[in-house]
Structures are given as structure tokens and as C-alpha cells.
C-alpha atoms as a PDB file:
ATOM      1  CA  MET A   1     127.776  94.800 104.438  1.00  0.00           C
ATOM      2  CA  ILE A   2     130.567  93.977 102.003  1.00  0.00           C
ATOM      3  CA  ALA A   3     132.286  91.801 104.593  1.00  0.00           C
ATOM      4  CA  ALA A   4     129.037  89.932 105.207  1.00  0.00           C
ATOM      5  CA  ILE A   5     128.489  89.192 101.530  1.00  0.00           C
ATOM      6  CA  GLU A   6     132.113  88.205 100.954  1.00  0.00           C
ATOM      7  CA  SER A   7     131.851  85.771 103.870  1.00  0.00           C
ATOM      8  CA  THR A   8     129.832  83.586 101.474  1.00  0.00           C
ATOM      9  CA  GLY A   9     132.805  83.302  99.123  1.00  0.00           C
ATOM     10  CA  LEU A  10     131.828  86.010  96.647  1.00  0.00           C
ATOM     11  CA  LEU A  11     134.231  88.852  95.827  1.00  0.00           C
ATOM     12  CA  LEU A  12     132.697  92.292  95.331  1.00  0.00           C
ATOM     13  CA  SER A  13     134.047  95.169  93.272  1.00  0.00           C
ATOM     14  CA  GLY A  14     132.979  97.659  95.949  1.00  0.00           C
ATOM     15  CA  ARG A  15     130.269  99.237  93.793  1.00  0.00           C
ATOM     16  CA  THR A  16     126.928  99.066  95.579  1.00  0.00           C
ATOM     17  CA  LEU A  17     123.518 100.661  95.085  1.00  0.00           C
ATOM     18  CA  ALA A  18     120.853 100.896  97.779  1.00  0.00           C
ATOM     19  CA  LEU A  19     117.486  99.734  96.417  1.00  0.00           C
ATOM     20  CA  ASN A  20     114.049 100.918  97.465  1.00  0.00           C
ATOM     21  CA  SER A  21     113.162  99.051 100.673  1.00  0.00           C
ATOM     22  CA  TYR A  22     112.168 100.215 104.138  1.00  0.00           C
ATOM     23  CA  GLU A  23     111.367  97.036 106.048  1.00  0.00           C
ATOM     24  CA  ASN A  24     114.707  95.453 105.192  1.00  0.00           C
ATOM     25  CA  ARG A  25     117.921  96.848 103.705  1.00  0.00           C
ATOM     26  CA  VAL A  26     118.455  95.815 100.098  1.00  0.00           C
ATOM     27  CA  TYR A  27     121.477  96.501  97.894  1.00  0.00           C
ATOM     28  CA  ARG A  28     122.643  95.695  94.400  1.00  0.00           C
ATOM     29  CA  CYS A  29     126.298  94.707  94.656  1.00  0.00           C
ATOM     30  CA  ASP A  30     128.619  94.355  91.663  1.00  0.00           C
ATOM     31  CA  LEU A  31     130.927  91.339  91.608  1.00  0.00           C
ATOM     32  CA  GLU A  32     134.658  91.664  90.989  1.00  0.00           C
ATOM     33  CA  GLU A  33     134.521  89.299  88.004  1.00  0.00           C
ATOM     34  CA  GLY A  34     131.432  90.917  86.483  1.00  0.00           C
ATOM     35  CA  GLY A  35     127.749  90.584  87.092  1.00  0.00           C
ATOM     36  CA  ALA A  36     125.975  91.465  90.304  1.00  0.00           C
ATOM     37  CA  VAL A  37     123.820  90.110  93.112  1.00  0.00           C
ATOM     38  CA  VAL A  38     121.058  91.624  95.221  1.00  0.00           C
ATOM     39  CA  ALA A  39     121.588  91.335  98.978  1.00  0.00           C
ATOM     40  CA  LYS A  40     118.619  91.563 101.356  1.00  0.00           C
ATOM     41  CA  PHE A  41     119.496  92.153 105.015  1.00  0.00           C
ATOM     42  CA  TYR A  42     116.540  91.271 107.200  1.00  0.00           C
ATOM     43  CA  ARG A  43     115.271  93.652 109.860  1.00  0.00           C
ATOM     44  CA  PRO A  44     116.411  92.170 113.185  1.00  0.00           C
ATOM     45  CA  GLN A  45     113.767  90.449 115.321  1.00  0.00           C
ATOM     46  CA  ARG A  46     110.992  90.686 112.741  1.00  0.00           C
ATOM     47  CA  TRP A  47     111.005  87.081 111.532  1.00  0.00           C
ATOM     48  CA  THR A  48     112.364  83.895 113.034  1.00  0.00           C
ATOM     49  CA  ASP A  49     114.885  81.917 111.034  1.00  0.00           C
ATOM     50  CA  ALA A  50     112.210  79.261 110.523  1.00  0.00           C
ATOM     51  CA  ALA A  51     109.789  81.818 109.039  1.00  0.00           C
ATOM     52  CA  ILE A  52     112.443  83.186 106.663  1.00  0.00           C
ATOM     53  CA  LEU A  53     113.408  79.691 105.539  1.00  0.00           C
ATOM     54  CA  GLU A  54     109.738  78.944 104.839  1.00  0.00           C
ATOM     55  CA  GLU A  55     109.623  82.028 102.620  1.00  0.00           C
ATOM     56  CA  HIS A  56     112.738  80.842 100.809  1.00  0.00           C
ATOM     57  CA  ALA A  57     111.414  77.296 100.411  1.00  0.00           C
ATOM     58  CA  PHE A  58     108.150  78.633  98.932  1.00  0.00           C
ATOM     59  CA  ALA A  59     110.050  80.790  96.439  1.00  0.00           C
ATOM     60  CA  GLN A  60     112.267  77.870  95.479  1.00  0.00           C
ATOM     61  CA  GLN A  61     109.248  75.581  95.078  1.00  0.00           C
ATOM     62  CA  LEU A  62     107.591  78.148  92.805  1.00  0.00           C
ATOM     63  CA  ALA A  63     110.740  78.546  90.731  1.00  0.00           C
ATOM     64  CA  ALA A  64     111.040  74.754  90.410  1.00  0.00           C
ATOM     65  CA  GLN A  65     107.548  74.755  88.881  1.00  0.00           C
ATOM     66  CA  ASP A  66     108.617  77.473  86.393  1.00  0.00           C
ATOM     67  CA  VAL A  67     106.545  80.130  88.156  1.00  0.00           C
ATOM     68  CA  PRO A  68     108.469  83.393  87.512  1.00  0.00           C
ATOM     69  CA  VAL A  69     109.629  84.477  90.957  1.00  0.00           C
ATOM     70  CA  VAL A  70     113.140  85.493  91.987  1.00  0.00           C
ATOM     71  CA  ALA A  71     114.260  82.846  94.481  1.00  0.00           C
ATOM     72  CA  PRO A  72     117.221  83.217  96.890  1.00  0.00           C
ATOM     73  CA  MET A  73     120.562  81.716  95.962  1.00  0.00           C
ATOM     74  CA  LEU A  74     122.001  78.754  97.832  1.00  0.00           C
ATOM     75  CA  MET A  75     125.341  79.719  99.327  1.00  0.00           C
ATOM     76  CA  GLN A  76     127.251  77.211 101.425  1.00  0.00           C
ATOM     77  CA  ASP A  77     124.196  74.911 101.274  1.00  0.00           C
ATOM     78  CA  SER A  78     121.830  77.501 102.745  1.00  0.00           C
ATOM     79  CA  SER A  79     119.637  80.305 101.428  1.00  0.00           C
ATOM     80  CA  LEU A  80     119.818  82.184 104.757  1.00  0.00           C
ATOM     81  CA  GLN A  81     123.180  83.642 105.734  1.00  0.00           C
ATOM     82  CA  HIS A  82     124.377  84.924 109.125  1.00  0.00           C
ATOM     83  CA  TYR A  83     127.095  87.474 109.835  1.00  0.00           C
ATOM     84  CA  GLU A  84     127.822  89.206 113.151  1.00  0.00           C
ATOM     85  CA  GLY A  85     124.229  88.945 114.328  1.00  0.00           C
ATOM     86  CA  TYR A  86     122.633  89.968 111.019  1.00  0.00           C
ATOM     87  CA  ARG A  87     120.753  87.715 108.633  1.00  0.00           C
ATOM     88  CA  PHE A  88     120.736  88.148 104.878  1.00  0.00           C
ATOM     89  CA  ALA A  89     119.986  86.407 101.617  1.00  0.00           C
ATOM     90  CA  LEU A  90     121.428  86.813  98.132  1.00  0.00           C
ATOM     91  CA  TYR A  91     119.397  86.928  94.921  1.00  0.00           C
ATOM     92  CA  PRO A  92     120.218  87.070  91.227  1.00  0.00           C
ATOM     93  CA  VAL A  93     119.642  90.451  89.621  1.00  0.00           C
ATOM     94  CA  GLN A  94     116.380  90.533  87.689  1.00  0.00           C
ATOM     95  CA  GLY A  95     115.378  93.677  85.834  1.00  0.00           C
ATOM     96  CA  GLY A  96     112.008  94.914  84.678  1.00  0.00           C
ATOM     97  CA  ARG A  97     109.503  97.714  85.055  1.00  0.00           C
ATOM     98  CA  TRP A  98     106.412  98.179  87.167  1.00  0.00           C
ATOM     99  CA  PRO A  99     103.307  96.868  85.378  1.00  0.00           C
ATOM    100  CA  GLU A 100     100.961  99.492  83.997  1.00  0.00           C
ATOM    101  CA  LEU A 101      97.992  97.100  83.905  1.00  0.00           C
ATOM    102  CA  ALA A 102      96.397  99.299  81.269  1.00  0.00           C
ATOM    103  CA  MET A 103      95.166  96.528  78.999  1.00  0.00           C
ATOM    104  CA  ARG A 104      92.798  93.615  79.463  1.00  0.00           C
ATOM    105  CA  GLU A 105      95.609  91.269  78.426  1.00  0.00           C
ATOM    106  CA  ASP A 106      97.777  92.581  81.300  1.00  0.00           C
ATOM    107  CA  PHE A 107      95.146  91.613  83.865  1.00  0.00           C
ATOM    108  CA  ASN A 108      94.673  88.229  82.161  1.00  0.00           C
ATOM    109  CA  TRP A 109      98.407  87.615  82.426  1.00  0.00           C
ATOM    110  CA  MET A 110      98.519  88.612  86.104  1.00  0.00           C
ATOM    111  CA  GLY A 111      95.527  86.381  86.797  1.00  0.00           C
ATOM    112  CA  ARG A 112      97.281  83.389  85.229  1.00  0.00           C
ATOM    113  CA  PHE A 113     100.466  84.207  87.140  1.00  0.00           C
ATOM    114  CA  ILE A 114      98.721  84.437  90.522  1.00  0.00           C
ATOM    115  CA  ALA A 115      96.705  81.272  89.879  1.00  0.00           C
ATOM    116  CA  ARG A 116      99.924  79.367  89.261  1.00  0.00           C
ATOM    117  CA  ILE A 117     101.295  80.657  92.579  1.00  0.00           C
ATOM    118  CA  HIS A 118      98.118  79.451  94.271  1.00  0.00           C
ATOM    119  CA  GLN A 119      98.363  76.073  92.586  1.00  0.00           C
ATOM    120  CA  VAL A 120     101.747  75.574  94.234  1.00  0.00           C
ATOM    121  CA  GLY A 121     100.603  77.268  97.443  1.00  0.00           C
ATOM    122  CA  ALA A 122      97.799  74.747  97.850  1.00  0.00           C
ATOM    123  CA  THR A 123     100.184  71.777  97.908  1.00  0.00           C
ATOM    124  CA  ALA A 124     101.490  72.429 101.451  1.00  0.00           C
ATOM    125  CA  HIS A 125     100.968  74.619 104.510  1.00  0.00           C
ATOM    126  CA  PHE A 126     103.065  77.213 106.300  1.00  0.00           C
ATOM    127  CA  GLN A 127     103.995  76.332 109.858  1.00  0.00           C
ATOM    128  CA  HIS A 128     105.879  79.502 110.828  1.00  0.00           C
ATOM    129  CA  ARG A 129     104.389  82.310 108.713  1.00  0.00           C
ATOM    130  CA  GLN A 130     101.546  84.627 109.716  1.00  0.00           C
ATOM    131  CA  SER A 131      97.917  84.327 108.633  1.00  0.00           C
ATOM    132  CA  ILE A 132      95.355  86.892 107.497  1.00  0.00           C
ATOM    133  CA  ASP A 133      93.771  87.659 110.836  1.00  0.00           C
ATOM    134  CA  ILE A 134      91.521  90.454 112.147  1.00  0.00           C
ATOM    135  CA  GLU A 135      93.161  90.502 115.570  1.00  0.00           C
ATOM    136  CA  ARG A 136      96.709  90.811 114.170  1.00  0.00           C
ATOM    137  CA  MET A 137      95.869  93.262 111.388  1.00  0.00           C
ATOM    138  CA  ALA A 138      93.344  95.573 113.068  1.00  0.00           C
ATOM    139  CA  VAL A 139      92.699  95.024 116.770  1.00  0.00           C
ATOM    140  CA  VAL A 140      96.322  94.971 117.922  1.00  0.00           C
ATOM    141  CA  PRO A 141      97.513  97.738 115.539  1.00  0.00           C
ATOM    142  CA  SER A 142      94.707 100.147 116.455  1.00  0.00           C
ATOM    143  CA  ARG A 143      95.326  99.585 120.162  1.00  0.00           C
ATOM    144  CA  TYR A 144      99.013 100.261 119.635  1.00  0.00           C
ATOM    145  CA  LEU A 145      98.319 103.571 117.888  1.00  0.00           C
ATOM    146  CA  LEU A 146      96.019 104.661 120.709  1.00  0.00           C
ATOM    147  CA  ASP A 147      98.167 103.412 123.582  1.00  0.00           C
ATOM    148  CA  GLU A 148     101.365 104.953 122.203  1.00  0.00           C
ATOM    149  CA  GLY A 149      99.771 108.348 121.615  1.00  0.00           C
ATOM    150  CA  PHE A 150     100.093 108.497 117.823  1.00  0.00           C
ATOM    151  CA  ILE A 151      96.464 109.528 117.318  1.00  0.00           C
ATOM    152  CA  PRO A 152      96.098 113.295 117.958  1.00  0.00           C
ATOM    153  CA  ALA A 153      93.954 114.070 121.004  1.00  0.00           C
ATOM    154  CA  HIS A 154      91.313 115.986 119.053  1.00  0.00           C
ATOM    155  CA  ILE A 155      90.403 112.916 116.942  1.00  0.00           C
ATOM    156  CA  GLU A 156      91.282 110.129 119.376  1.00  0.00           C
ATOM    157  CA  GLN A 157      87.668 109.443 120.341  1.00  0.00           C
ATOM    158  CA  ALA A 158      86.526 109.586 116.731  1.00  0.00           C
ATOM    159  CA  TYR A 159      89.248 107.118 115.717  1.00  0.00           C
ATOM    160  CA  SER A 160      88.510 104.709 118.552  1.00  0.00           C
ATOM    161  CA  THR A 161      84.768 104.686 117.893  1.00  0.00           C
ATOM    162  CA  LEU A 162      85.268 104.358 114.147  1.00  0.00           C
ATOM    163  CA  VAL A 163      87.590 101.364 114.537  1.00  0.00           C
ATOM    164  CA  ASP A 164      85.002  99.648 116.754  1.00  0.00           C
ATOM    165  CA  ASP A 165      82.368 100.176 114.055  1.00  0.00           C
ATOM    166  CA  LEU A 166      84.748  98.970 111.339  1.00  0.00           C
ATOM    167  CA  LEU A 167      85.537  95.782 113.239  1.00  0.00           C
ATOM    168  CA  ILE A 168      81.828  94.958 113.331  1.00  0.00           C
ATOM    169  CA  GLU A 169      81.580  95.398 109.552  1.00  0.00           C
ATOM    170  CA  ILE A 170      84.817  93.503 108.874  1.00  0.00           C
ATOM    171  CA  ARG A 171      83.662  90.526 110.939  1.00  0.00           C
ATOM    172  CA  ALA A 172      80.300  90.636 109.176  1.00  0.00           C
ATOM    173  CA  ALA A 173      82.060  90.504 105.800  1.00  0.00           C
ATOM    174  CA  PHE A 174      84.007  87.416 106.875  1.00  0.00           C
ATOM    175  CA  GLN A 175      80.764  85.845 108.076  1.00  0.00           C
ATOM    176  CA  ARG A 176      79.103  86.520 104.695  1.00  0.00           C
ATOM    177  CA  CYS A 177      82.039  84.866 102.981  1.00  0.00           C
ATOM    178  CA  GLY A 178      81.926  81.828 105.238  1.00  0.00           C
ATOM    179  CA  ASP A 179      84.678  79.247 105.419  1.00  0.00           C
ATOM    180  CA  TYR A 180      87.316  79.778 102.749  1.00  0.00           C
ATOM    181  CA  ARG A 181      90.243  77.711 101.559  1.00  0.00           C
ATOM    182  CA  GLN A 182      93.480  78.579 103.350  1.00  0.00           C
ATOM    183  CA  LEU A 183      96.388  78.917 100.905  1.00  0.00           C
ATOM    184  CA  ARG A 184     100.018  79.862 100.983  1.00  0.00           C
ATOM    185  CA  LEU A 185      99.933  83.324  99.374  1.00  0.00           C
ATOM    186  CA  HIS A 186     102.263  86.013  98.129  1.00  0.00           C
ATOM    187  CA  GLY A 187     100.440  88.174 100.670  1.00  0.00           C
ATOM    188  CA  ASP A 188     101.580  91.605  99.468  1.00  0.00           C
ATOM    189  CA  CYS A 189     100.581  91.458  95.825  1.00  0.00           C
ATOM    190  CA  HIS A 190     100.728  95.080  94.712  1.00  0.00           C
ATOM    191  CA  ARG A 191     102.336  96.525  91.601  1.00  0.00           C
ATOM    192  CA  GLY A 192     105.491  97.573  93.445  1.00  0.00           C
ATOM    193  CA  ASN A 193     106.365  93.926  94.029  1.00  0.00           C
ATOM    194  CA  VAL A 194     105.933  92.983  90.369  1.00  0.00           C
ATOM    195  CA  LEU A 195     108.429  93.616  87.580  1.00  0.00           C
ATOM    196  CA  TRP A 196     107.381  93.283  83.949  1.00  0.00           C
ATOM    197  CA  THR A 197     109.586  92.309  81.027  1.00  0.00           C
ATOM    198  CA  ASP A 198     108.877  91.299  77.436  1.00  0.00           C
ATOM    199  CA  ASP A 199     108.462  87.759  78.773  1.00  0.00           C
ATOM    200  CA  GLY A 200     105.778  88.846  81.247  1.00  0.00           C
ATOM    201  CA  PRO A 201     105.612  89.583  84.990  1.00  0.00           C
ATOM    202  CA  HIS A 202     107.645  88.173  87.859  1.00  0.00           C
ATOM    203  CA  PHE A 203     107.604  88.751  91.598  1.00  0.00           C
ATOM    204  CA  VAL A 204     110.720  89.977  93.352  1.00  0.00           C
ATOM    205  CA  ASP A 205     109.649  89.868  96.996  1.00  0.00           C
ATOM    206  CA  LEU A 206     107.910  87.208  99.082  1.00  0.00           C
ATOM    207  CA  ASP A 207     108.830  88.834 102.395  1.00  0.00           C
ATOM    208  CA  ASP A 208     105.166  89.022 103.456  1.00  0.00           C
ATOM    209  CA  CYS A 209     104.059  85.613 102.219  1.00  0.00           C
ATOM    210  CA  CYS A 210     101.352  84.292 104.501  1.00  0.00           C
ATOM    211  CA  THR A 211      98.306  82.051 104.794  1.00  0.00           C
ATOM    212  CA  GLY A 212      94.873  83.291 103.802  1.00  0.00           C
ATOM    213  CA  PRO A 213      92.141  83.479 101.132  1.00  0.00           C
ATOM    214  CA  ALA A 214      93.058  83.567  97.447  1.00  0.00           C
ATOM    215  CA  ILE A 215      91.380  86.973  97.005  1.00  0.00           C
ATOM    216  CA  GLN A 216      94.176  88.543  99.098  1.00  0.00           C
ATOM    217  CA  ASP A 217      96.507  88.235  96.103  1.00  0.00           C
ATOM    218  CA  LEU A 218      93.984  89.737  93.680  1.00  0.00           C
ATOM    219  CA  TRP A 219      92.283  92.706  95.297  1.00  0.00           C
ATOM    220  CA  MET A 220      95.367  94.953  95.533  1.00  0.00           C
ATOM    221  CA  LEU A 221      95.582  95.013  91.728  1.00  0.00           C
ATOM    222  CA  LEU A 222      92.163  96.705  91.530  1.00  0.00           C
ATOM    223  CA  SER A 223      91.758 100.471  91.368  1.00  0.00           C
ATOM    224  CA  GLY A 224      89.211 103.105  90.443  1.00  0.00           C
ATOM    225  CA  ASP A 225      85.475 103.171  91.004  1.00  0.00           C
ATOM    226  CA  ARG A 226      83.181 100.171  91.413  1.00  0.00           C
ATOM    227  CA  ALA A 227      82.582  99.739  87.689  1.00  0.00           C
ATOM    228  CA  GLU A 228      86.307  99.884  86.920  1.00  0.00           C
ATOM    229  CA  MET A 229      87.157  97.395  89.670  1.00  0.00           C
ATOM    230  CA  THR A 230      84.430  95.043  88.442  1.00  0.00           C
ATOM    231  CA  ALA A 231      85.871  95.070  84.920  1.00  0.00           C
ATOM    232  CA  GLN A 232      89.406  94.577  86.237  1.00  0.00           C
ATOM    233  CA  MET A 233      88.322  91.650  88.415  1.00  0.00           C
ATOM    234  CA  CYS A 234      86.595  90.021  85.453  1.00  0.00           C
ATOM    235  CA  ASP A 235      89.813  90.357  83.449  1.00  0.00           C
ATOM    236  CA  LEU A 236      91.893  88.937  86.301  1.00  0.00           C
ATOM    237  CA  LEU A 237      89.530  85.994  86.702  1.00  0.00           C
ATOM    238  CA  GLU A 238      89.565  85.287  82.979  1.00  0.00           C
ATOM    239  CA  GLY A 239      93.262  84.503  83.324  1.00  0.00           C
ATOM    240  CA  TYR A 240      93.094  83.080  86.846  1.00  0.00           C
ATOM    241  CA  GLU A 241      90.523  80.465  85.976  1.00  0.00           C
ATOM    242  CA  GLU A 242      92.753  78.962  83.299  1.00  0.00           C
ATOM    243  CA  PHE A 243      94.713  77.405  86.189  1.00  0.00           C
ATOM    244  CA  ALA A 244      92.585  77.632  89.342  1.00  0.00           C
ATOM    245  CA  GLU A 245      89.055  78.330  90.503  1.00  0.00           C
ATOM    246  CA  LEU A 246      88.210  81.235  92.781  1.00  0.00           C
ATOM    247  CA  ASP A 247      85.418  80.782  95.303  1.00  0.00           C
ATOM    248  CA  LEU A 248      83.363  83.870  94.417  1.00  0.00           C
ATOM    249  CA  ARG A 249      82.139  84.155  98.007  1.00  0.00           C
ATOM    250  CA  GLU A 250      85.590  85.620  98.691  1.00  0.00           C
ATOM    251  CA  LEU A 251      84.530  88.767  96.830  1.00  0.00           C
ATOM    252  CA  HIS A 252      82.793  89.707 100.105  1.00  0.00           C
ATOM    253  CA  LEU A 253      86.264  90.094 101.648  1.00  0.00           C
ATOM    254  CA  ILE A 254      87.728  92.726  99.309  1.00  0.00           C
ATOM    255  CA  GLU A 255      86.809  95.847 101.294  1.00  0.00           C
ATOM    256  CA  ALA A 256      87.372  94.066 104.624  1.00  0.00           C
ATOM    257  CA  LEU A 257      90.902  93.155 103.536  1.00  0.00           C
ATOM    258  CA  ARG A 258      91.497  96.684 102.248  1.00  0.00           C
ATOM    259  CA  THR A 259      90.424  98.105 105.621  1.00  0.00           C
ATOM    260  CA  LEU A 260      92.684  95.706 107.505  1.00  0.00           C
ATOM    261  CA  ARG A 261      95.595  96.807 105.347  1.00  0.00           C
ATOM    262  CA  ILE A 262      94.918 100.506 105.939  1.00  0.00           C
ATOM    263  CA  ILE A 263      94.829 100.087 109.726  1.00  0.00           C
ATOM    264  CA  HIS A 264      97.849  97.796 109.772  1.00  0.00           C
ATOM    265  CA  TYR A 265      99.896 100.093 107.514  1.00  0.00           C
ATOM    266  CA  ALA A 266      99.495 103.064 109.854  1.00  0.00           C
ATOM    267  CA  SER A 267     100.646 100.924 112.765  1.00  0.00           C
ATOM    268  CA  TRP A 268     103.578  99.592 110.718  1.00  0.00           C
ATOM    269  CA  LEU A 269     104.786 103.156 110.138  1.00  0.00           C
ATOM    270  CA  ALA A 270     104.354 103.995 113.820  1.00  0.00           C
ATOM    271  CA  LYS A 271     106.338 100.971 114.980  1.00  0.00           C
ATOM    272  CA  ARG A 272     109.196 101.910 112.631  1.00  0.00           C
ATOM    273  CA  TRP A 273     109.222 105.607 113.500  1.00  0.00           C
ATOM    274  CA  ASN A 274     112.448 105.334 115.520  1.00  0.00           C
ATOM    275  CA  ASP A 275     114.240 104.011 112.423  1.00  0.00           C
ATOM    276  CA  PRO A 276     115.955 107.122 110.945  1.00  0.00           C
ATOM    277  CA  ALA A 277     114.944 106.070 107.427  1.00  0.00           C
ATOM    278  CA  PHE A 278     111.246 106.437 108.177  1.00  0.00           C
ATOM    279  CA  PRO A 279     110.973 110.139 109.158  1.00  0.00           C
ATOM    280  CA  GLN A 280     113.021 110.930 106.039  1.00  0.00           C
ATOM    281  CA  ALA A 281     110.850 108.829 103.750  1.00  0.00           C
ATOM    282  CA  PHE A 282     107.482 109.617 105.356  1.00  0.00           C
ATOM    283  CA  PRO A 283     107.783 113.174 106.758  1.00  0.00           C
ATOM    284  CA  TRP A 284     103.998 113.651 106.596  1.00  0.00           C
ATOM    285  CA  PHE A 285     103.266 110.725 108.909  1.00  0.00           C
ATOM    286  CA  ASP A 286     103.678 112.474 112.256  1.00  0.00           C
ATOM    287  CA  SER A 287     101.249 115.315 111.512  1.00  0.00           C
ATOM    288  CA  ASN A 288      97.655 116.172 112.361  1.00  0.00           C
ATOM    289  CA  ALA A 289      96.859 116.380 108.645  1.00  0.00           C
ATOM    290  CA  TYR A 290      97.890 112.761 108.073  1.00  0.00           C
ATOM    291  CA  TRP A 291      95.750 111.406 110.903  1.00  0.00           C
ATOM    292  CA  GLU A 292      92.744 113.523 109.928  1.00  0.00           C
ATOM    293  CA  GLU A 293      93.027 112.142 106.388  1.00  0.00           C
ATOM    294  CA  HIS A 294      93.492 108.630 107.804  1.00  0.00           C
ATOM    295  CA  VAL A 295      90.224 108.898 109.733  1.00  0.00           C
ATOM    296  CA  LEU A 296      88.480 110.221 106.619  1.00  0.00           C
ATOM    297  CA  GLU A 297      89.795 107.259 104.619  1.00  0.00           C
ATOM    298  CA  LEU A 298      88.519 104.842 107.268  1.00  0.00           C
ATOM    299  CA  ARG A 299      85.095 106.508 107.171  1.00  0.00           C
ATOM    300  CA  GLU A 300      85.020 105.950 103.425  1.00  0.00           C
ATOM    301  CA  GLN A 301      85.887 102.314 104.068  1.00  0.00           C
ATOM    302  CA  PHE A 302      82.987 102.048 106.494  1.00  0.00           C
ATOM    303  CA  SER A 303      80.661 103.071 103.663  1.00  0.00           C
ATOM    304  CA  ARG A 304      82.270 100.634 101.232  1.00  0.00           C
ATOM    305  CA  LEU A 305      81.989  97.792 103.726  1.00  0.00           C
ATOM    306  CA  ARG A 306      78.216  98.287 103.760  1.00  0.00           C
ATOM    307  CA  GLU A 307      77.922  98.113  99.983  1.00  0.00           C
ATOM    308  CA  PRO A 308      77.162  94.833  98.166  1.00  0.00           C
ATOM    309  CA  ALA A 309      80.137  92.767  97.054  1.00  0.00           C
ATOM    310  CA  LEU A 310      81.401  93.045  93.490  1.00  0.00           C
ATOM    311  CA  VAL A 311      79.426  90.919  91.038  1.00  0.00           C
ATOM    312  CA  VAL A 312      81.459  89.265  88.280  1.00  0.00           C
END
């Protein structure tokens, strides 16, 4: 790792700190002359070079418009580095804390922030990144879990039948929404990817940037019961609509997108299970209790999918 980073011309002190990341390997590395950089080593074979460079270009375009994201550094005229078969990128160190989102003003601020991302996202299209898609996020992942034997035998039929029912409801939700504007998105807009300072929030990871509806970058900030989520969405939109307009038909997609994420997440863990870091970090995953709870969570989603959309 040190040799890879120093191949860019930087000299490291040797002091490194592994940061919290499972999909990639991310380290804070102190420089010999002071200061530090963050190095992100990409999981092999996950993204093409073209897809990674699109992520980098989006981050750089956002930063050029003064949208607070941490963009990769240009080293030797490229943001994507190669060393002995591995690919990595270097970033400036940017501190902060996870947002509490306890106040109305916090949601307003996040709404303004996300709207500015969408303003820039609407100016071009991804050619090599993924899109929000039912087949990719639910059909293929659920088949993988069944075919590879991750679902315990005693609930396999229940899981399979439930997924079939969920797909009907998810497709119905997309039909109720109708055609929506396709944007370049952050794609994985949860609190863990946001750091807050006295100057406000900034994103530190665009690894899952993708194409899809604007609501994808808003719904993951909602929590609690229906009344609480309604209030939070109103606060988000109060800030969002200072810079962009949300097509309110997209509110029909919130629970469909949540369900897609739940199914896809379980498959993501399964596909990474041979990585030694995953059994250590997620010891509960390969247990009957996890899968029984997973099915229960999906049943709750089935009920939510049949409820009316939030009204704001």
C-alpha cells in the first residue's frame, strides 16, 4: 500500500490508519513533510476504469461548482492510479462528524445540499455507471441468494413467494409514479456518507453514484413512523426547493426504493462473504436468526408498499 501511494511521488511517514470501509480499502496516510491523504483502493473487478473515472469527474464537477464534496486529487494528470494490478485514488483529509439531523434547520440544509448536487447532476448523463433498476436491485439479487443456498431451507419457500409478491408491489409503485426525470445522483445518500462541520455538511463518498430519480437521494434521510417521516420530508423539501423542484409523484417510490435496498443489501453481503473482513464485521449474517428477521422485515415492507404515499 505504501509503495503504491509513493509511486505517485508522495513520501509517507509510515503512519497509517485503516478507515471504516468494507467495499473498498481506505486508509489515512500521514505524509513525511506533514499533513495526510486518504487513499481508497478499489475492490478489484467491481467497477471498470471508465465507471470510476465518471465518478471522479462528477465529484470534480460538483467541487468546481462549490458543492461541498471531497473530490479525488489529480496525481500525474490522473485521478485514478494503478499499481501492480490494483487501482486507487487519493483524497485530501476532510474531518467532521455524522449529522444528527435533530433540528428542522438540519434537514433544510441537507435539502439545499442535495438539490445543488441534482442541479449539477442534471447537466449531463452517466455513460458507464449503473441505474436504479428493479432487475439489478431485486430480481438478480434474490435469485442469487436462493441459487447459492443462503436462504435457510425452512424459510426458502416463504422468501421466494414473498419476493414475488414484493416485485408486483414495487412495479406497481413505479407505475403510479410514471415517467420520472433521470439524474446523476449520489445514490447512497445516508448519514454515514455525510460529515458535518461548523460550515455545514459535505459528502465523502460517491462510490455508488448512479442514475435514477431525485427521491433516491432524499428517502434514506427519513426515519421513524409515517408522521415523523412526513415532517422530515417537508423540512427537506423546504431546503431542496430553494434550488430545484421535486416531482412529488416520486413520493410513490420511497417504499419501493427502500425494499430494493433491503433485498440488494442482503445479496451484497452474501457476495462478499468470502472476503475475510465480512464474517468478522457481520458475524450475525450467516445465521437462521438473521434470515428469519430479514423475511419479517420484507413482510413489513409489503404492508408499507400497499399504504398511500406520503403527502407533503
